Amino acid sequence: MARQQRAIRTRARIIAAAGECFSESGYRATRVADVAERAGAALGTLLFHFPAKTDIANAVIEQQHRIVMEAAVAVDEMKSPSGIQDIIVVSAKLANLISTNPVVRAGLRLSTESVEDLGISSAQPYLDWTRQCIQLLEKARAAGELAEGVDLEHFAEVINSAFTGTQFMSSAVSGSRDLPERLARMWPILFSQVVKAECTSESVQRLLDDHSTLIDAETPAEGEAASAIESGTVEAE
């Protein structure tokens, strides 16, 4: 049991270190040896857990996706009456994670920059997030928030694309520091043609202010990643 726990901690530390490396340098510029050095692990130990660099990258994407989906679940558990509100708050939580969590930044970077290297594993988070958006839009339709005739699947894809594009522009221009402000400007424009109720910049900001505690809250998977980063050098197997 003790050996198994050491292996779990070692694996978590390697994923956390890989998140930092991939976030800073991207997939192709990051060497396996760079990840091992950042993790404080022997190269052989890293290769025992992750035989190839693609395995490390896929593990980072999986961890990022888990963190993001936990945030979506946390919003759903609030049982708000508004699907539109849920979309805005989830996006704000994700923006906060991008700003503060290297594993999340790395996972998103890998999912867009490294499609040719990683294949379907880089696409899966986008497909899952689109399905999540469809569920929230169904909630919005049931609450009478959407105009008639809105194709939920198509609009969910638009939401996904708009968030991704905004996130990358923010990353290029400000290192993601202005992402929350960019999203607050984006949502009223995006929703203006499909949402019945007025969705102004002021109302979007009010939603974000009202749910600041949720936006700043740490998800369980995020906590695991932070703990791994703080733990220092990995333990020998």
C-alpha atoms as a PDB file:
ATOM      1  CA  MET A   1       0.000   0.000   0.000  1.00  0.00           C
ATOM      2  CA  ALA A   2       2.826   2.407   0.868  1.00  0.00           C
ATOM      3  CA  ARG A   3       4.512   1.646  -2.463  1.00  0.00           C
ATOM      4  CA  GLN A   4       1.246   2.297  -4.286  1.00  0.00           C
ATOM      5  CA  GLN A   5       0.806   5.633  -2.537  1.00  0.00           C
ATOM      6  CA  ARG A   6       4.365   6.648  -3.460  1.00  0.00           C
ATOM      7  CA  ALA A   7       3.652   5.755  -7.069  1.00  0.00           C
ATOM      8  CA  ILE A   8       0.478   7.871  -7.049  1.00  0.00           C
ATOM      9  CA  ARG A   9       2.362  10.842  -5.587  1.00  0.00           C
ATOM     10  CA  THR A  10       5.196  10.414  -8.066  1.00  0.00           C
ATOM     11  CA  ARG A  11       2.808  10.316 -11.001  1.00  0.00           C
ATOM     12  CA  ALA A  12       0.976  13.419  -9.751  1.00  0.00           C
ATOM     13  CA  ARG A  13       4.257  15.287  -9.328  1.00  0.00           C
ATOM     14  CA  ILE A  14       5.359  14.409 -12.866  1.00  0.00           C
ATOM     15  CA  ILE A  15       2.030  15.584 -14.325  1.00  0.00           C
ATOM     16  CA  ALA A  16       2.277  18.850 -12.375  1.00  0.00           C
ATOM     17  CA  ALA A  17       5.836  19.414 -13.593  1.00  0.00           C
ATOM     18  CA  ALA A  18       4.829  18.553 -17.156  1.00  0.00           C
ATOM     19  CA  GLY A  19       2.018  21.089 -16.922  1.00  0.00           C
ATOM     20  CA  GLU A  20       4.531  23.780 -16.054  1.00  0.00           C
ATOM     21  CA  CYS A  21       6.884  22.763 -18.881  1.00  0.00           C
ATOM     22  CA  PHE A  22       4.222  22.415 -21.575  1.00  0.00           C
ATOM     23  CA  SER A  23       2.566  25.654 -20.462  1.00  0.00           C
ATOM     24  CA  GLU A  24       5.836  27.545 -20.824  1.00  0.00           C
ATOM     25  CA  SER A  25       7.346  25.906 -23.921  1.00  0.00           C
ATOM     26  CA  GLY A  26       4.664  23.915 -25.760  1.00  0.00           C
ATOM     27  CA  TYR A  27       4.721  20.263 -26.720  1.00  0.00           C
ATOM     28  CA  ARG A  28       7.463  20.035 -29.320  1.00  0.00           C
ATOM     29  CA  ALA A  29       9.972  22.255 -27.511  1.00  0.00           C
ATOM     30  CA  THR A  30       9.606  20.376 -24.225  1.00  0.00           C
ATOM     31  CA  ARG A  31      11.900  17.398 -23.742  1.00  0.00           C
ATOM     32  CA  VAL A  32      11.119  14.431 -21.507  1.00  0.00           C
ATOM     33  CA  ALA A  33      14.344  15.232 -19.665  1.00  0.00           C
ATOM     34  CA  ASP A  34      13.005  18.752 -18.979  1.00  0.00           C
ATOM     35  CA  VAL A  35       9.931  17.292 -17.292  1.00  0.00           C
ATOM     36  CA  ALA A  36      12.035  14.873 -15.233  1.00  0.00           C
ATOM     37  CA  GLU A  37      14.303  17.692 -14.077  1.00  0.00           C
ATOM     38  CA  ARG A  38      11.353  19.946 -13.185  1.00  0.00           C
ATOM     39  CA  ALA A  39       9.750  17.080 -11.240  1.00  0.00           C
ATOM     40  CA  GLY A  40      12.969  16.237  -9.436  1.00  0.00           C
ATOM     41  CA  ALA A  41      12.687  12.681 -10.740  1.00  0.00           C
ATOM     42  CA  ALA A  42      15.172  10.313 -12.282  1.00  0.00           C
ATOM     43  CA  LEU A  43      14.564   9.901 -16.003  1.00  0.00           C
ATOM     44  CA  GLY A  44      14.047   6.172 -15.486  1.00  0.00           C
ATOM     45  CA  THR A  45      11.358   6.851 -12.887  1.00  0.00           C
ATOM     46  CA  LEU A  46       9.506   9.140 -15.284  1.00  0.00           C
ATOM     47  CA  LEU A  47       9.731   6.627 -18.112  1.00  0.00           C
ATOM     48  CA  PHE A  48       8.390   3.903 -15.819  1.00  0.00           C
ATOM     49  CA  HIS A  49       5.193   5.940 -15.399  1.00  0.00           C
ATOM     50  CA  PHE A  50       5.105   7.508 -18.879  1.00  0.00           C
ATOM     51  CA  PRO A  51       7.031   5.566 -21.561  1.00  0.00           C
ATOM     52  CA  ALA A  52       6.599   8.319 -24.189  1.00  0.00           C
ATOM     53  CA  LYS A  53       6.169  12.088 -24.286  1.00  0.00           C
ATOM     54  CA  THR A  54       2.705  11.631 -25.787  1.00  0.00           C
ATOM     55  CA  ASP A  55       1.732   9.686 -22.650  1.00  0.00           C
ATOM     56  CA  ILE A  56       2.794  12.619 -20.479  1.00  0.00           C
ATOM     57  CA  ALA A  57       0.899  15.105 -22.652  1.00  0.00           C
ATOM     58  CA  ASN A  58      -2.242  12.980 -22.640  1.00  0.00           C
ATOM     59  CA  ALA A  59      -2.084  12.736 -18.841  1.00  0.00           C
ATOM     60  CA  VAL A  60      -1.858  16.534 -18.607  1.00  0.00           C
ATOM     61  CA  ILE A  61      -4.872  16.928 -20.915  1.00  0.00           C
ATOM     62  CA  GLU A  62      -6.837  14.390 -18.850  1.00  0.00           C
ATOM     63  CA  GLN A  63      -5.992  16.242 -15.619  1.00  0.00           C
ATOM     64  CA  GLN A  64      -6.906  19.602 -17.145  1.00  0.00           C
ATOM     65  CA  HIS A  65     -10.182  18.211 -18.420  1.00  0.00           C
ATOM     66  CA  ARG A  66     -11.009  16.717 -15.032  1.00  0.00           C
ATOM     67  CA  ILE A  67     -10.401  20.064 -13.317  1.00  0.00           C
ATOM     68  CA  VAL A  68     -12.598  21.915 -15.815  1.00  0.00           C
ATOM     69  CA  MET A  69     -15.453  19.406 -15.681  1.00  0.00           C
ATOM     70  CA  GLU A  70     -15.396  19.489 -11.871  1.00  0.00           C
ATOM     71  CA  ALA A  71     -15.908  23.246 -12.131  1.00  0.00           C
ATOM     72  CA  ALA A  72     -18.914  22.671 -14.406  1.00  0.00           C
ATOM     73  CA  VAL A  73     -20.366  20.164 -11.938  1.00  0.00           C
ATOM     74  CA  ALA A  74     -19.907  22.655  -9.083  1.00  0.00           C
ATOM     75  CA  VAL A  75     -21.923  25.251 -11.013  1.00  0.00           C
ATOM     76  CA  ASP A  76     -24.629  22.703 -11.816  1.00  0.00           C
ATOM     77  CA  GLU A  77     -24.929  21.786  -8.130  1.00  0.00           C
ATOM     78  CA  MET A  78     -25.833  25.389  -7.328  1.00  0.00           C
ATOM     79  CA  LYS A  79     -29.210  24.678  -8.992  1.00  0.00           C
ATOM     80  CA  SER A  80     -29.549  28.157 -10.430  1.00  0.00           C
ATOM     81  CA  PRO A  81     -32.666  28.716 -12.560  1.00  0.00           C
ATOM     82  CA  SER A  82     -30.666  30.114 -15.488  1.00  0.00           C
ATOM     83  CA  GLY A  83     -28.674  28.153 -18.048  1.00  0.00           C
ATOM     84  CA  ILE A  84     -27.208  31.389 -19.431  1.00  0.00           C
ATOM     85  CA  GLN A  85     -25.997  32.318 -15.964  1.00  0.00           C
ATOM     86  CA  ASP A  86     -24.361  28.907 -15.608  1.00  0.00           C
ATOM     87  CA  ILE A  87     -22.488  29.302 -18.906  1.00  0.00           C
ATOM     88  CA  ILE A  88     -21.137  32.694 -17.866  1.00  0.00           C
ATOM     89  CA  VAL A  89     -20.068  31.509 -14.411  1.00  0.00           C
ATOM     90  CA  VAL A  90     -18.427  28.324 -15.727  1.00  0.00           C
ATOM     91  CA  SER A  91     -16.487  30.378 -18.264  1.00  0.00           C
ATOM     92  CA  ALA A  92     -15.342  32.749 -15.527  1.00  0.00           C
ATOM     93  CA  LYS A  93     -14.182  29.817 -13.412  1.00  0.00           C
ATOM     94  CA  LEU A  94     -12.265  28.452 -16.384  1.00  0.00           C
ATOM     95  CA  ALA A  95     -10.723  31.885 -17.002  1.00  0.00           C
ATOM     96  CA  ASN A  96      -9.561  31.959 -13.397  1.00  0.00           C
ATOM     97  CA  LEU A  97      -8.073  28.485 -13.738  1.00  0.00           C
ATOM     98  CA  ILE A  98      -6.231  29.478 -16.917  1.00  0.00           C
ATOM     99  CA  SER A  99      -4.739  32.451 -15.095  1.00  0.00           C
ATOM    100  CA  THR A 100      -3.651  30.521 -12.013  1.00  0.00           C
ATOM    101  CA  ASN A 101      -3.143  26.853 -12.896  1.00  0.00           C
ATOM    102  CA  PRO A 102      -0.283  25.722 -15.188  1.00  0.00           C
ATOM    103  CA  VAL A 103      -1.855  22.284 -15.746  1.00  0.00           C
ATOM    104  CA  VAL A 104      -5.014  23.904 -17.108  1.00  0.00           C
ATOM    105  CA  ARG A 105      -3.009  26.282 -19.303  1.00  0.00           C
ATOM    106  CA  ALA A 106      -0.894  23.397 -20.556  1.00  0.00           C
ATOM    107  CA  GLY A 107      -3.876  21.167 -21.273  1.00  0.00           C
ATOM    108  CA  LEU A 108      -5.557  23.855 -23.339  1.00  0.00           C
ATOM    109  CA  ARG A 109      -2.332  24.650 -25.164  1.00  0.00           C
ATOM    110  CA  LEU A 110      -1.742  20.985 -25.942  1.00  0.00           C
ATOM    111  CA  SER A 111      -5.328  20.586 -27.132  1.00  0.00           C
ATOM    112  CA  THR A 112      -4.878  23.270 -29.759  1.00  0.00           C
ATOM    113  CA  GLU A 113      -1.211  23.424 -30.716  1.00  0.00           C
ATOM    114  CA  SER A 114      -0.542  19.681 -30.784  1.00  0.00           C
ATOM    115  CA  VAL A 115      -3.484  18.130 -32.608  1.00  0.00           C
ATOM    116  CA  GLU A 116      -1.197  16.502 -35.178  1.00  0.00           C
ATOM    117  CA  ASP A 117       0.911  14.938 -32.424  1.00  0.00           C
ATOM    118  CA  LEU A 118      -1.827  13.856 -30.015  1.00  0.00           C
ATOM    119  CA  GLY A 119      -4.838  13.126 -32.240  1.00  0.00           C
ATOM    120  CA  ILE A 120      -8.210  12.410 -30.647  1.00  0.00           C
ATOM    121  CA  SER A 121      -6.998  12.998 -27.098  1.00  0.00           C
ATOM    122  CA  SER A 122      -6.623  16.700 -27.907  1.00  0.00           C
ATOM    123  CA  ALA A 123     -10.099  16.841 -29.458  1.00  0.00           C
ATOM    124  CA  GLN A 124     -12.008  15.047 -26.708  1.00  0.00           C
ATOM    125  CA  PRO A 125     -12.145  17.944 -24.199  1.00  0.00           C
ATOM    126  CA  TYR A 126     -13.696  20.198 -26.852  1.00  0.00           C
ATOM    127  CA  LEU A 127     -16.296  17.570 -27.727  1.00  0.00           C
ATOM    128  CA  ASP A 128     -17.140  17.063 -24.046  1.00  0.00           C
ATOM    129  CA  TRP A 129     -17.359  20.804 -23.401  1.00  0.00           C
ATOM    130  CA  THR A 130     -19.679  21.211 -26.394  1.00  0.00           C
ATOM    131  CA  ARG A 131     -21.954  18.542 -24.919  1.00  0.00           C
ATOM    132  CA  GLN A 132     -21.842  20.375 -21.577  1.00  0.00           C
ATOM    133  CA  CYS A 133     -22.834  23.604 -23.312  1.00  0.00           C
ATOM    134  CA  ILE A 134     -25.748  21.853 -25.005  1.00  0.00           C
ATOM    135  CA  GLN A 135     -27.012  20.718 -21.595  1.00  0.00           C
ATOM    136  CA  LEU A 136     -26.793  24.272 -20.237  1.00  0.00           C
ATOM    137  CA  LEU A 137     -28.544  25.638 -23.320  1.00  0.00           C
ATOM    138  CA  GLU A 138     -31.302  23.060 -22.846  1.00  0.00           C
ATOM    139  CA  LYS A 139     -31.675  24.422 -19.325  1.00  0.00           C
ATOM    140  CA  ALA A 140     -31.821  27.953 -20.770  1.00  0.00           C
ATOM    141  CA  ARG A 141     -34.496  26.893 -23.257  1.00  0.00           C
ATOM    142  CA  ALA A 142     -36.565  25.269 -20.503  1.00  0.00           C
ATOM    143  CA  ALA A 143     -36.293  28.495 -18.501  1.00  0.00           C
ATOM    144  CA  GLY A 144     -37.594  30.497 -21.489  1.00  0.00           C
ATOM    145  CA  GLU A 145     -34.332  32.368 -21.952  1.00  0.00           C
ATOM    146  CA  LEU A 146     -33.704  31.527 -25.611  1.00  0.00           C
ATOM    147  CA  ALA A 147     -35.351  32.841 -28.735  1.00  0.00           C
ATOM    148  CA  GLU A 148     -37.322  30.434 -30.889  1.00  0.00           C
ATOM    149  CA  GLY A 149     -35.494  28.326 -33.430  1.00  0.00           C
ATOM    150  CA  VAL A 150     -32.015  28.366 -31.876  1.00  0.00           C
ATOM    151  CA  ASP A 151     -30.051  25.259 -32.890  1.00  0.00           C
ATOM    152  CA  LEU A 152     -28.517  24.244 -29.556  1.00  0.00           C
ATOM    153  CA  GLU A 153     -25.771  22.073 -31.003  1.00  0.00           C
ATOM    154  CA  HIS A 154     -24.623  24.750 -33.432  1.00  0.00           C
ATOM    155  CA  PHE A 155     -24.762  27.483 -30.801  1.00  0.00           C
ATOM    156  CA  ALA A 156     -22.812  25.297 -28.342  1.00  0.00           C
ATOM    157  CA  GLU A 157     -20.084  24.972 -30.953  1.00  0.00           C
ATOM    158  CA  VAL A 158     -20.101  28.743 -31.447  1.00  0.00           C
ATOM    159  CA  ILE A 159     -19.724  29.236 -27.689  1.00  0.00           C
ATOM    160  CA  ASN A 160     -16.828  26.796 -27.598  1.00  0.00           C
ATOM    161  CA  SER A 161     -15.123  28.456 -30.555  1.00  0.00           C
ATOM    162  CA  ALA A 162     -15.671  31.969 -29.212  1.00  0.00           C
ATOM    163  CA  PHE A 163     -14.251  31.097 -25.810  1.00  0.00           C
ATOM    164  CA  THR A 164     -11.231  29.352 -27.352  1.00  0.00           C
ATOM    165  CA  GLY A 165     -10.490  32.269 -29.676  1.00  0.00           C
ATOM    166  CA  THR A 166     -10.878  34.817 -26.890  1.00  0.00           C
ATOM    167  CA  GLN A 167      -8.653  32.754 -24.635  1.00  0.00           C
ATOM    168  CA  PHE A 168      -5.895  32.578 -27.225  1.00  0.00           C
ATOM    169  CA  MET A 169      -6.053  36.266 -28.040  1.00  0.00           C
ATOM    170  CA  SER A 170      -5.847  37.068 -24.337  1.00  0.00           C
ATOM    171  CA  SER A 171      -2.890  34.711 -23.977  1.00  0.00           C
ATOM    172  CA  ALA A 172      -1.063  36.396 -26.863  1.00  0.00           C
ATOM    173  CA  VAL A 173      -1.814  39.966 -25.795  1.00  0.00           C
ATOM    174  CA  SER A 174      -1.649  39.847 -21.998  1.00  0.00           C
ATOM    175  CA  GLY A 175      -0.561  36.385 -20.891  1.00  0.00           C
ATOM    176  CA  SER A 176      -4.261  35.658 -20.099  1.00  0.00           C
ATOM    177  CA  ARG A 177      -4.417  38.409 -17.470  1.00  0.00           C
ATOM    178  CA  ASP A 178      -7.265  40.224 -19.232  1.00  0.00           C
ATOM    179  CA  LEU A 179      -9.285  37.090 -20.082  1.00  0.00           C
ATOM    180  CA  PRO A 180     -12.105  37.759 -17.552  1.00  0.00           C
ATOM    181  CA  GLU A 181     -12.589  41.264 -18.942  1.00  0.00           C
ATOM    182  CA  ARG A 182     -12.569  40.007 -22.523  1.00  0.00           C
ATOM    183  CA  LEU A 183     -15.187  37.364 -21.678  1.00  0.00           C
ATOM    184  CA  ALA A 184     -17.384  39.949 -19.966  1.00  0.00           C
ATOM    185  CA  ARG A 185     -17.346  41.939 -23.222  1.00  0.00           C
ATOM    186  CA  MET A 186     -17.867  38.849 -25.382  1.00  0.00           C
ATOM    187  CA  TRP A 187     -20.957  37.364 -23.731  1.00  0.00           C
ATOM    188  CA  PRO A 188     -23.405  40.255 -24.329  1.00  0.00           C
ATOM    189  CA  ILE A 189     -22.451  40.293 -28.010  1.00  0.00           C
ATOM    190  CA  LEU A 190     -22.664  36.522 -28.378  1.00  0.00           C
ATOM    191  CA  PHE A 191     -25.985  36.216 -26.596  1.00  0.00           C
ATOM    192  CA  SER A 192     -27.610  39.311 -28.077  1.00  0.00           C
ATOM    193  CA  GLN A 193     -29.221  37.448 -31.002  1.00  0.00           C
ATOM    194  CA  VAL A 194     -30.406  34.357 -29.142  1.00  0.00           C
ATOM    195  CA  VAL A 195     -31.301  35.374 -25.585  1.00  0.00           C
ATOM    196  CA  LYS A 196     -34.682  36.917 -24.880  1.00  0.00           C
ATOM    197  CA  ALA A 197     -33.710  38.812 -21.745  1.00  0.00           C
ATOM    198  CA  GLU A 198     -31.283  41.694 -22.084  1.00  0.00           C
ATOM    199  CA  CYS A 199     -27.710  40.521 -21.498  1.00  0.00           C
ATOM    200  CA  THR A 200     -25.644  43.675 -21.005  1.00  0.00           C
ATOM    201  CA  SER A 201     -22.057  44.003 -19.913  1.00  0.00           C
ATOM    202  CA  GLU A 202     -23.324  45.233 -16.554  1.00  0.00           C
ATOM    203  CA  SER A 203     -25.540  42.184 -16.031  1.00  0.00           C
ATOM    204  CA  VAL A 204     -22.686  39.848 -16.987  1.00  0.00           C
ATOM    205  CA  GLN A 205     -20.377  41.556 -14.508  1.00  0.00           C
ATOM    206  CA  ARG A 206     -23.059  41.306 -11.826  1.00  0.00           C
ATOM    207  CA  LEU A 207     -23.263  37.547 -12.362  1.00  0.00           C
ATOM    208  CA  LEU A 208     -19.499  37.256 -12.010  1.00  0.00           C
ATOM    209  CA  ASP A 209     -19.459  39.383  -8.868  1.00  0.00           C
ATOM    210  CA  ASP A 210     -22.288  37.390  -7.321  1.00  0.00           C
ATOM    211  CA  HIS A 211     -20.409  34.124  -7.839  1.00  0.00           C
ATOM    212  CA  SER A 212     -16.856  35.240  -7.074  1.00  0.00           C
ATOM    213  CA  THR A 213     -16.532  32.671  -4.267  1.00  0.00           C
ATOM    214  CA  LEU A 214     -17.344  29.829  -6.656  1.00  0.00           C
ATOM    215  CA  ILE A 215     -15.033  31.224  -9.329  1.00  0.00           C
ATOM    216  CA  ASP A 216     -12.111  31.352  -6.886  1.00  0.00           C
ATOM    217  CA  ALA A 217     -12.868  28.002  -5.215  1.00  0.00           C
ATOM    218  CA  GLU A 218     -10.401  25.163  -5.733  1.00  0.00           C
ATOM    219  CA  THR A 219     -11.665  21.952  -7.304  1.00  0.00           C
ATOM    220  CA  PRO A 220     -10.489  18.583  -5.861  1.00  0.00           C
ATOM    221  CA  ALA A 221      -8.359  17.812  -8.919  1.00  0.00           C
ATOM    222  CA  GLU A 222      -6.875  21.295  -8.807  1.00  0.00           C
ATOM    223  CA  GLY A 223      -6.017  20.748  -5.157  1.00  0.00           C
ATOM    224  CA  GLU A 224      -4.236  17.511  -6.022  1.00  0.00           C
ATOM    225  CA  ALA A 225      -2.155  19.276  -8.651  1.00  0.00           C
ATOM    226  CA  ALA A 226      -1.244  22.084  -6.252  1.00  0.00           C
ATOM    227  CA  SER A 227      -0.276  19.569  -3.582  1.00  0.00           C
ATOM    228  CA  ALA A 228       1.969  17.751  -6.049  1.00  0.00           C
ATOM    229  CA  ILE A 229       3.721  20.983  -7.008  1.00  0.00           C
ATOM    230  CA  GLU A 230       4.336  21.829  -3.350  1.00  0.00           C
ATOM    231  CA  SER A 231       5.627  18.352  -2.474  1.00  0.00           C
ATOM    232  CA  GLY A 232       9.029  18.890  -4.068  1.00  0.00           C
ATOM    233  CA  THR A 233      11.212  16.051  -5.341  1.00  0.00           C
ATOM    234  CA  VAL A 234       9.390  12.817  -6.082  1.00  0.00           C
ATOM    235  CA  GLU A 235       9.993   9.785  -3.938  1.00  0.00           C
ATOM    236  CA  ALA A 236      11.930   6.815  -5.259  1.00  0.00           C
ATOM    237  CA  GLU A 237       9.896   3.862  -6.410  1.00  0.00           C
END
